């Protein structure tokens, strides 16, 4: 802005001086000519976004394994059976007749006499059936039967996590215009006025 004002001022002064020299016939004190100042460029480096920051979800599936487990194939059972009573034959001495006294006649030296006689007890051996073990219902226990099965079990549950990726930048070099081209009045050095 300042250079534009200065250039305009010099142009005005030059025009006045030329007018004076034409009309007044005076001597020129300073001479100027138009010159073009080229535009000024500068090389700059700047970062540009190549890929913006992003995030995505990574899912981890559940992990399973197989393991053996003991199971009851048949539970314990109780059944009942009938048992007949058990008998045994045992011998036993029983008294058939108790000891007693009686009278009877006997002949002694040709004489008949009455005598008191002691009769011993009479015993006899008899066999009888004796209950050794009574009959009835007897519980019969059958133990449980076990086996193993292969089953699928969860070792680690499914999960997910968010993975964040930072933005990617790249440095690029480019030329930028710092100042536009300008037309200015440039002083001209002359020895005797502005005559060439």
Protein backbone atom coordinates (compact mmCIF):
# COMPACT_ATOMS: atom_id res chain seq x y z
CA UNK A 1 0.00 0.00 0.00
CA UNK A 2 2.84 2.35 0.91
CA UNK A 3 4.69 1.58 -2.36
CA UNK A 4 1.53 2.23 -4.36
CA UNK A 5 1.17 5.64 -2.70
CA UNK A 6 4.84 6.41 -3.30
CA UNK A 7 4.59 5.35 -6.95
CA UNK A 8 1.48 7.48 -7.47
CA UNK A 9 3.22 10.46 -5.85
CA UNK A 10 6.30 10.08 -8.05
CA UNK A 11 4.12 9.78 -11.12
CA UNK A 12 2.34 12.97 -10.21
CA UNK A 13 5.63 14.82 -9.61
CA UNK A 14 7.04 13.58 -12.90
CA UNK A 15 4.00 14.72 -14.77
CA UNK A 16 4.25 18.13 -13.17
CA UNK A 17 7.95 18.40 -13.92
CA UNK A 18 7.39 17.44 -17.57
CA UNK A 19 4.62 19.97 -17.82
CA UNK A 20 6.83 22.64 -16.37
CA UNK A 21 9.67 21.78 -18.70
CA UNK A 22 7.39 21.92 -21.66
CA UNK A 23 5.69 25.10 -20.69
CA UNK A 24 8.33 26.86 -18.60
CA UNK A 25 11.49 25.71 -20.37
CA UNK A 26 13.09 24.93 -17.06
CA UNK A 27 15.77 22.37 -16.19
CA UNK A 28 14.76 18.92 -14.93
CA UNK A 29 15.92 18.10 -11.47
CA UNK A 30 15.21 14.31 -11.52
CA UNK A 31 14.17 11.78 -14.14
CA UNK A 32 12.25 8.54 -13.73
CA UNK A 33 11.31 5.63 -15.94
CA UNK A 34 8.73 2.89 -15.49
CA UNK A 35 10.05 -0.49 -14.34
CA UNK A 36 8.29 -3.78 -13.56
CA UNK A 37 9.22 -5.48 -10.28
CA UNK A 38 8.50 -9.19 -10.78
CA UNK A 39 6.32 -11.16 -8.40
CA UNK A 40 8.11 -12.74 -5.43
CA UNK A 41 7.66 -16.47 -4.81
CA UNK A 42 8.70 -18.57 -1.87
CA UNK A 43 9.02 -22.33 -1.45
CA UNK A 44 7.12 -23.54 1.62
CA UNK A 45 6.64 -26.95 3.20
CA UNK A 46 3.38 -27.91 4.80
CA UNK A 47 1.79 -31.01 6.18
CA UNK A 48 -1.24 -32.39 4.40
CA UNK A 49 -3.62 -35.05 5.65
CA UNK A 50 -3.18 -38.29 3.74
CA UNK A 51 -5.51 -40.45 5.80
CA UNK A 52 -7.75 -39.23 8.65
CA UNK A 53 -7.72 -40.89 12.06
CA UNK A 54 -10.00 -43.90 12.24
CA UNK A 55 -11.07 -46.68 14.54
CA UNK A 56 -12.42 -50.17 13.97
CA UNK A 57 -13.68 -52.98 16.17
CA UNK A 58 -11.72 -56.23 16.37
CA UNK A 59 -13.90 -59.12 17.46
CA UNK A 60 -12.36 -62.14 19.14
CA UNK A 61 -14.55 -65.25 18.85
CA UNK A 62 -15.22 -67.47 21.83
CA UNK A 63 -12.74 -70.30 22.48
CA UNK A 64 -14.10 -73.76 23.22
CA UNK A 65 -12.47 -77.04 24.24
CA UNK A 66 -13.59 -80.60 24.78
CA UNK A 67 -13.25 -82.40 28.09
CA UNK A 68 -14.40 -85.70 29.56
CA UNK A 69 -17.03 -85.64 32.28
CA UNK A 70 -18.22 -88.53 34.41
CA UNK A 71 -21.94 -89.21 34.20
CA UNK A 72 -24.31 -91.74 35.74
CA UNK A 73 -25.40 -94.19 33.08
CA UNK A 74 -27.62 -96.13 35.47
CA UNK A 75 -28.42 -94.97 39.00
CA UNK A 76 -28.17 -97.20 42.03
CA UNK A 77 -31.13 -99.56 42.28
CA UNK A 78 -32.66 -101.57 45.08
CA UNK A 79 -34.65 -104.67 44.24
CA UNK A 80 -36.31 -107.12 46.56
CA UNK A 81 -36.46 -110.90 46.42
CA UNK A 82 -38.37 -113.35 48.51
CA UNK A 83 -36.31 -115.74 50.62
CA UNK A 84 -37.84 -118.97 51.88
CA UNK A 85 -37.40 -119.76 55.56
CA UNK A 86 -34.58 -122.14 56.45
CA UNK A 87 -35.35 -125.12 58.68
CA UNK A 88 -33.15 -127.71 60.27
CA UNK A 89 -33.87 -131.16 61.80
CA UNK A 90 -32.67 -131.36 65.36
CA UNK A 91 -32.69 -134.39 67.66
CA UNK A 92 -34.12 -133.96 71.10
CA UNK A 93 -34.53 -136.35 74.01
CA UNK A 94 -38.00 -136.26 75.38
CA UNK A 95 -39.51 -137.98 78.36
CA UNK A 96 -42.08 -140.50 77.26
CA UNK A 97 -43.06 -141.58 80.73
CA UNK A 98 -42.00 -140.12 84.06
CA UNK A 99 -40.48 -142.17 86.86
CA UNK A 100 -43.15 -143.87 88.96
CA UNK A 101 -43.87 -146.50 91.56
CA UNK A 102 -46.04 -149.51 91.18
CA UNK A 103 -47.01 -152.75 92.83
CA UNK A 104 -46.63 -156.16 91.39
CA UNK A 105 -46.59 -159.71 92.49
CA UNK A 106 -43.45 -161.77 92.37
CA UNK A 107 -42.62 -165.34 93.16
CA UNK A 108 -39.85 -165.73 95.70
CA UNK A 109 -38.82 -169.15 96.81
CA UNK A 110 -42.13 -170.60 95.85
CA UNK A 111 -44.04 -167.88 97.54
CA UNK A 112 -46.07 -165.17 95.90
CA UNK A 113 -45.33 -161.81 97.40
CA UNK A 114 -46.43 -158.18 96.56
CA UNK A 115 -43.57 -155.82 95.95
CA UNK A 116 -43.37 -152.09 95.53
CA UNK A 117 -41.46 -151.44 92.33
CA UNK A 118 -39.80 -148.18 91.23
CA UNK A 119 -40.18 -147.60 87.55
CA UNK A 120 -37.57 -145.34 85.96
CA UNK A 121 -38.53 -142.55 83.64
CA UNK A 122 -38.71 -143.51 80.00
CA UNK A 123 -37.04 -141.27 77.43
CA UNK A 124 -37.11 -141.26 73.67
CA UNK A 125 -35.10 -139.34 71.02
CA UNK A 126 -37.28 -137.43 68.58
CA UNK A 127 -36.38 -135.28 65.58
CA UNK A 128 -38.11 -132.01 65.04
CA UNK A 129 -38.00 -129.28 62.40
CA UNK A 130 -36.52 -126.06 63.81
CA UNK A 131 -36.61 -122.61 62.11
CA UNK A 132 -33.02 -121.50 61.55
CA UNK A 133 -33.63 -118.38 59.44
CA UNK A 134 -37.02 -116.81 58.82
CA UNK A 135 -38.11 -116.10 55.26
CA UNK A 136 -39.24 -112.76 53.89
CA UNK A 137 -38.21 -109.98 51.48
CA UNK A 138 -34.52 -109.22 51.18
CA UNK A 139 -33.20 -105.93 49.65
CA UNK A 140 -30.62 -106.43 46.91
CA UNK A 141 -28.61 -103.30 46.13
CA UNK A 142 -27.21 -102.83 42.65
CA UNK A 143 -24.51 -100.10 42.53
CA UNK A 144 -24.69 -97.20 40.08
CA UNK A 145 -22.99 -97.60 36.71
CA UNK A 146 -20.81 -94.67 35.61
CA UNK A 147 -19.38 -93.67 32.26
CA UNK A 148 -17.69 -90.64 30.70
CA UNK A 149 -18.94 -88.31 28.01
CA UNK A 150 -17.04 -85.77 25.93
CA UNK A 151 -18.57 -82.33 26.12
CA UNK A 152 -17.84 -78.91 24.68
CA UNK A 153 -17.00 -76.27 27.31
CA UNK A 154 -16.34 -72.54 27.06
CA UNK A 155 -12.71 -71.67 27.78
CA UNK A 156 -12.78 -67.97 26.92
CA UNK A 157 -15.88 -65.91 26.08
CA UNK A 158 -16.13 -63.84 22.92
CA UNK A 159 -14.78 -60.30 23.23
CA UNK A 160 -14.26 -57.16 21.21
CA UNK A 161 -11.88 -54.22 21.36
CA UNK A 162 -11.62 -50.90 19.56
CA UNK A 163 -8.38 -50.33 17.62
CA UNK A 164 -7.65 -46.67 16.92
CA UNK A 165 -5.34 -45.68 14.06
CA UNK A 166 -3.87 -42.17 14.11
CA UNK A 167 -4.13 -39.78 11.20
CA UNK A 168 -1.37 -39.99 8.57
CA UNK A 169 0.22 -36.78 7.35
CA UNK A 170 2.70 -36.09 4.57
CA UNK A 171 5.00 -33.11 4.09
CA UNK A 172 4.64 -31.48 0.63
CA UNK A 173 6.66 -28.67 -0.89
CA UNK A 174 4.95 -25.96 -2.97
CA UNK A 175 5.67 -22.52 -4.31
CA UNK A 176 3.52 -19.68 -3.05
CA UNK A 177 3.36 -16.08 -4.25
CA UNK A 178 4.52 -13.73 -1.54
CA UNK A 179 4.12 -10.47 -3.51
CA UNK A 180 2.41 -9.60 -6.80
CA UNK A 181 4.35 -8.11 -9.72
CA UNK A 182 4.38 -4.29 -9.57
CA UNK A 183 4.99 -1.42 -11.94
CA UNK A 184 7.08 1.32 -10.30
CA UNK A 185 8.83 4.53 -11.30
CA UNK A 186 12.55 4.04 -11.10
CA UNK A 187 14.95 7.05 -10.88
CA UNK A 188 17.27 7.48 -13.85
CA UNK A 189 20.78 8.96 -13.38
CA UNK A 190 21.59 11.55 -16.05
CA UNK A 191 24.38 14.17 -16.21
CA UNK A 192 22.74 17.06 -17.98
CA UNK A 193 19.05 17.12 -17.27
CA UNK A 194 16.75 14.53 -18.79
CA UNK A 195 17.84 15.01 -22.41
CA UNK A 196 19.18 11.85 -24.10
